[in-house]
Structure formats: structure tokens, C-alpha cells
Amino acid sequence: MDSKITEDFSLGLFIWQALLLVSIGLWIYCLIDVLKNKFEKNDKIIWVLVVILLPILGSILYLFIGKSKKLKLN
């Protein structure tokens, strides 16, 4: 019975599922972070649209560029 489980296990499928789960988590994190913080002028709307319309690329761009554009509150 245990050999049937290991025969059905597909490493490629597991990797794709893990990548999909990580990308969804990253997308949700970035979207919440954009919505919780303040930005100058229309930057918040722009970042929300970038993250929603380009889920993986938009999230990565936000992490590298957008997080530094947040307004620092005292």
C-alpha cells in the first residue's frame, strides 16, 4: 500500500503547487501592505493596480521599488 502512494507522487506537480501557493501568498501580502500604508498622491492606486493586474511581477516590483516609496509616519 505504501508503494502505491510513492508511485503516485509527482515531484514536478508538487513543485508547481508549492510555487503557486508561494506566489498567491506573496500577492496577498503585497496587496494588504499597499492598502495598509500611505503613499504620495496617487501612488497607492497605481501600486494596487500593478499588484492586481500583474500578480507575480507586480508583487516583485512592489517589494523592490514600492516598499521604499511608503510614507514614514511618526
N, C-alpha and C. Protein backbone atom coordinates (compact mmCIF):
# COMPACT_ATOMS: atom_id res chain seq x y z
N MET A 1 0.81 -1.18 0.00
CA MET A 1 0.00 0.00 0.00
C MET A 1 0.86 1.27 0.00
N ASP A 2 1.98 1.27 0.73
CA ASP A 2 2.86 2.44 0.75
C ASP A 2 3.52 2.67 -0.59
N SER A 3 3.80 1.61 -1.34
CA SER A 3 4.44 1.79 -2.64
C SER A 3 3.49 2.48 -3.63
N LYS A 4 2.20 2.30 -3.48
CA LYS A 4 1.23 2.96 -4.34
C LYS A 4 1.27 4.48 -4.12
N ILE A 5 1.43 4.90 -2.88
CA ILE A 5 1.48 6.33 -2.58
C ILE A 5 2.73 6.95 -3.19
N THR A 6 3.86 6.29 -3.08
CA THR A 6 5.10 6.85 -3.63
C THR A 6 5.10 6.81 -5.15
N GLU A 7 4.39 5.87 -5.75
CA GLU A 7 4.30 5.81 -7.21
C GLU A 7 3.42 6.94 -7.74
N ASP A 8 2.41 7.32 -7.00
CA ASP A 8 1.50 8.38 -7.43
C ASP A 8 2.07 9.77 -7.19
N PHE A 9 3.08 9.89 -6.35
CA PHE A 9 3.65 11.19 -6.02
C PHE A 9 4.46 11.71 -7.20
N SER A 10 4.15 12.93 -7.61
CA SER A 10 4.86 13.56 -8.72
C SER A 10 5.61 14.77 -8.17
N LEU A 11 6.93 14.73 -8.24
CA LEU A 11 7.74 15.82 -7.72
C LEU A 11 7.50 17.11 -8.51
N GLY A 12 7.34 16.99 -9.81
CA GLY A 12 7.09 18.17 -10.64
C GLY A 12 5.79 18.85 -10.26
N LEU A 13 4.74 18.06 -10.05
CA LEU A 13 3.46 18.62 -9.64
C LEU A 13 3.56 19.28 -8.28
N PHE A 14 4.28 18.66 -7.35
CA PHE A 14 4.47 19.22 -6.02
C PHE A 14 5.20 20.56 -6.09
N ILE A 15 6.21 20.67 -6.93
CA ILE A 15 6.96 21.92 -7.07
C ILE A 15 6.06 23.02 -7.63
N TRP A 16 5.27 22.70 -8.67
CA TRP A 16 4.35 23.69 -9.24
C TRP A 16 3.32 24.16 -8.22
N GLN A 17 2.80 23.22 -7.44
CA GLN A 17 1.83 23.59 -6.41
C GLN A 17 2.46 24.47 -5.34
N ALA A 18 3.68 24.16 -4.94
CA ALA A 18 4.38 24.97 -3.94
C ALA A 18 4.65 26.37 -4.49
N LEU A 19 5.08 26.47 -5.74
CA LEU A 19 5.32 27.79 -6.34
C LEU A 19 4.03 28.59 -6.45
N LEU A 20 2.95 27.94 -6.80
CA LEU A 20 1.65 28.61 -6.89
C LEU A 20 1.21 29.12 -5.53
N LEU A 21 1.38 28.31 -4.50
CA LEU A 21 1.00 28.70 -3.15
C LEU A 21 1.84 29.88 -2.66
N VAL A 22 3.15 29.85 -2.93
CA VAL A 22 4.04 30.95 -2.53
C VAL A 22 3.68 32.23 -3.28
N SER A 23 3.39 32.12 -4.57
CA SER A 23 3.06 33.32 -5.34
C SER A 23 1.73 33.92 -4.90
N ILE A 24 0.76 33.10 -4.55
CA ILE A 24 -0.52 33.61 -4.03
C ILE A 24 -0.30 34.29 -2.69
N GLY A 25 0.50 33.69 -1.83
CA GLY A 25 0.81 34.29 -0.53
C GLY A 25 1.52 35.62 -0.69
N LEU A 26 2.48 35.69 -1.60
CA LEU A 26 3.21 36.93 -1.86
C LEU A 26 2.26 38.00 -2.40
N TRP A 27 1.38 37.62 -3.30
CA TRP A 27 0.40 38.55 -3.88
C TRP A 27 -0.50 39.13 -2.80
N ILE A 28 -1.02 38.27 -1.91
CA ILE A 28 -1.90 38.73 -0.84
C ILE A 28 -1.14 39.64 0.13
N TYR A 29 0.11 39.26 0.48
CA TYR A 29 0.92 40.09 1.37
C TYR A 29 1.14 41.48 0.79
N CYS A 30 1.52 41.55 -0.48
CA CYS A 30 1.79 42.84 -1.12
C CYS A 30 0.53 43.68 -1.22
N LEU A 31 -0.58 43.06 -1.57
CA LEU A 31 -1.84 43.80 -1.68
C LEU A 31 -2.26 44.38 -0.33
N ILE A 32 -2.16 43.60 0.73
CA ILE A 32 -2.51 44.09 2.06
C ILE A 32 -1.54 45.19 2.49
N ASP A 33 -0.25 45.03 2.20
CA ASP A 33 0.74 46.03 2.57
C ASP A 33 0.48 47.36 1.86
N VAL A 34 0.12 47.30 0.59
CA VAL A 34 -0.19 48.52 -0.15
C VAL A 34 -1.41 49.20 0.46
N LEU A 35 -2.44 48.44 0.76
CA LEU A 35 -3.68 49.02 1.27
C LEU A 35 -3.54 49.57 2.68
N LYS A 36 -2.64 49.01 3.50
CA LYS A 36 -2.47 49.47 4.88
C LYS A 36 -1.62 50.73 4.99
N ASN A 37 -0.76 51.01 4.05
CA ASN A 37 0.19 52.10 4.17
C ASN A 37 -0.22 53.31 3.35
N LYS A 38 0.41 54.43 3.65
CA LYS A 38 0.14 55.68 2.94
C LYS A 38 1.25 55.95 1.93
N PHE A 39 0.85 56.51 0.79
CA PHE A 39 1.77 56.85 -0.28
C PHE A 39 1.49 58.28 -0.71
N GLU A 40 2.40 58.84 -1.48
CA GLU A 40 2.19 60.19 -2.00
C GLU A 40 1.16 60.15 -3.13
N LYS A 41 0.34 61.18 -3.19
CA LYS A 41 -0.63 61.43 -4.26
C LYS A 41 -1.37 60.16 -4.69
N ASN A 42 -1.23 59.76 -5.95
CA ASN A 42 -1.96 58.61 -6.49
C ASN A 42 -1.12 57.33 -6.50
N ASP A 43 -0.01 57.32 -5.80
CA ASP A 43 0.86 56.14 -5.81
C ASP A 43 0.16 54.89 -5.28
N LYS A 44 -0.71 55.05 -4.31
CA LYS A 44 -1.41 53.89 -3.74
C LYS A 44 -2.28 53.22 -4.80
N ILE A 45 -3.03 54.01 -5.54
CA ILE A 45 -3.90 53.47 -6.59
C ILE A 45 -3.06 52.77 -7.66
N ILE A 46 -1.96 53.39 -8.02
CA ILE A 46 -1.07 52.81 -9.04
C ILE A 46 -0.53 51.48 -8.57
N TRP A 47 -0.04 51.41 -7.31
CA TRP A 47 0.52 50.14 -6.81
C TRP A 47 -0.55 49.06 -6.68
N VAL A 48 -1.75 49.45 -6.27
CA VAL A 48 -2.84 48.45 -6.19
C VAL A 48 -3.11 47.87 -7.58
N LEU A 49 -3.18 48.74 -8.59
CA LEU A 49 -3.44 48.25 -9.95
C LEU A 49 -2.29 47.39 -10.47
N VAL A 50 -1.05 47.79 -10.19
CA VAL A 50 0.10 46.99 -10.63
C VAL A 50 0.08 45.62 -9.99
N VAL A 51 -0.16 45.56 -8.69
CA VAL A 51 -0.17 44.27 -7.98
C VAL A 51 -1.33 43.40 -8.43
N ILE A 52 -2.50 44.00 -8.70
CA ILE A 52 -3.66 43.20 -9.10
C ILE A 52 -3.53 42.73 -10.55
N LEU A 53 -3.12 43.62 -11.44
CA LEU A 53 -3.10 43.27 -12.87
C LEU A 53 -1.88 42.44 -13.29
N LEU A 54 -0.79 42.57 -12.56
CA LEU A 54 0.42 41.78 -12.83
C LEU A 54 0.80 41.05 -11.54
N PRO A 55 0.09 39.99 -11.18
CA PRO A 55 0.23 39.41 -9.84
C PRO A 55 1.67 39.08 -9.42
N ILE A 56 2.37 38.29 -10.16
CA ILE A 56 3.71 37.88 -9.72
C ILE A 56 4.72 39.00 -9.96
N LEU A 57 4.75 39.53 -11.17
CA LEU A 57 5.69 40.60 -11.49
C LEU A 57 5.38 41.86 -10.68
N GLY A 58 4.12 42.21 -10.54
CA GLY A 58 3.73 43.37 -9.76
C GLY A 58 4.11 43.25 -8.29
N SER A 59 3.97 42.06 -7.74
CA SER A 59 4.36 41.85 -6.35
C SER A 59 5.86 41.99 -6.16
N ILE A 60 6.63 41.45 -7.09
CA ILE A 60 8.08 41.57 -7.01
C ILE A 60 8.51 43.02 -7.18
N LEU A 61 7.90 43.72 -8.13
CA LEU A 61 8.21 45.14 -8.32
C LEU A 61 7.87 45.94 -7.06
N TYR A 62 6.74 45.64 -6.46
CA TYR A 62 6.36 46.35 -5.25
C TYR A 62 7.38 46.12 -4.13
N LEU A 63 7.83 44.88 -3.97
CA LEU A 63 8.79 44.59 -2.91
C LEU A 63 10.10 45.34 -3.11
N PHE A 64 10.56 45.45 -4.36
CA PHE A 64 11.85 46.09 -4.62
C PHE A 64 11.74 47.60 -4.78
N ILE A 65 10.63 48.10 -5.28
CA ILE A 65 10.51 49.54 -5.56
C ILE A 65 9.49 50.20 -4.64
N GLY A 66 8.32 49.63 -4.54
CA GLY A 66 7.20 50.28 -3.86
C GLY A 66 7.35 50.41 -2.36
N LYS A 67 7.96 49.42 -1.70
CA LYS A 67 8.09 49.49 -0.25
C LYS A 67 8.92 50.69 0.18
N SER A 68 9.87 51.10 -0.64
CA SER A 68 10.70 52.25 -0.29
C SER A 68 9.96 53.57 -0.54
N LYS A 69 8.85 53.53 -1.26
CA LYS A 69 8.07 54.74 -1.56
C LYS A 69 7.00 55.03 -0.51
N LYS A 70 6.85 54.14 0.47
CA LYS A 70 5.86 54.38 1.51
C LYS A 70 6.25 55.60 2.32
N LEU A 71 5.23 56.33 2.79
CA LEU A 71 5.48 57.49 3.64
C LEU A 71 5.77 57.00 5.06
N LYS A 72 6.79 57.58 5.65
CA LYS A 72 7.16 57.23 7.02
C LYS A 72 6.31 58.08 7.96
N LEU A 73 5.57 57.42 8.84
CA LEU A 73 4.73 58.13 9.79
C LEU A 73 5.38 58.09 11.17
N ASN A 74 5.30 59.20 11.88
CA ASN A 74 5.94 59.27 13.22
C ASN A 74 5.12 58.61 14.27
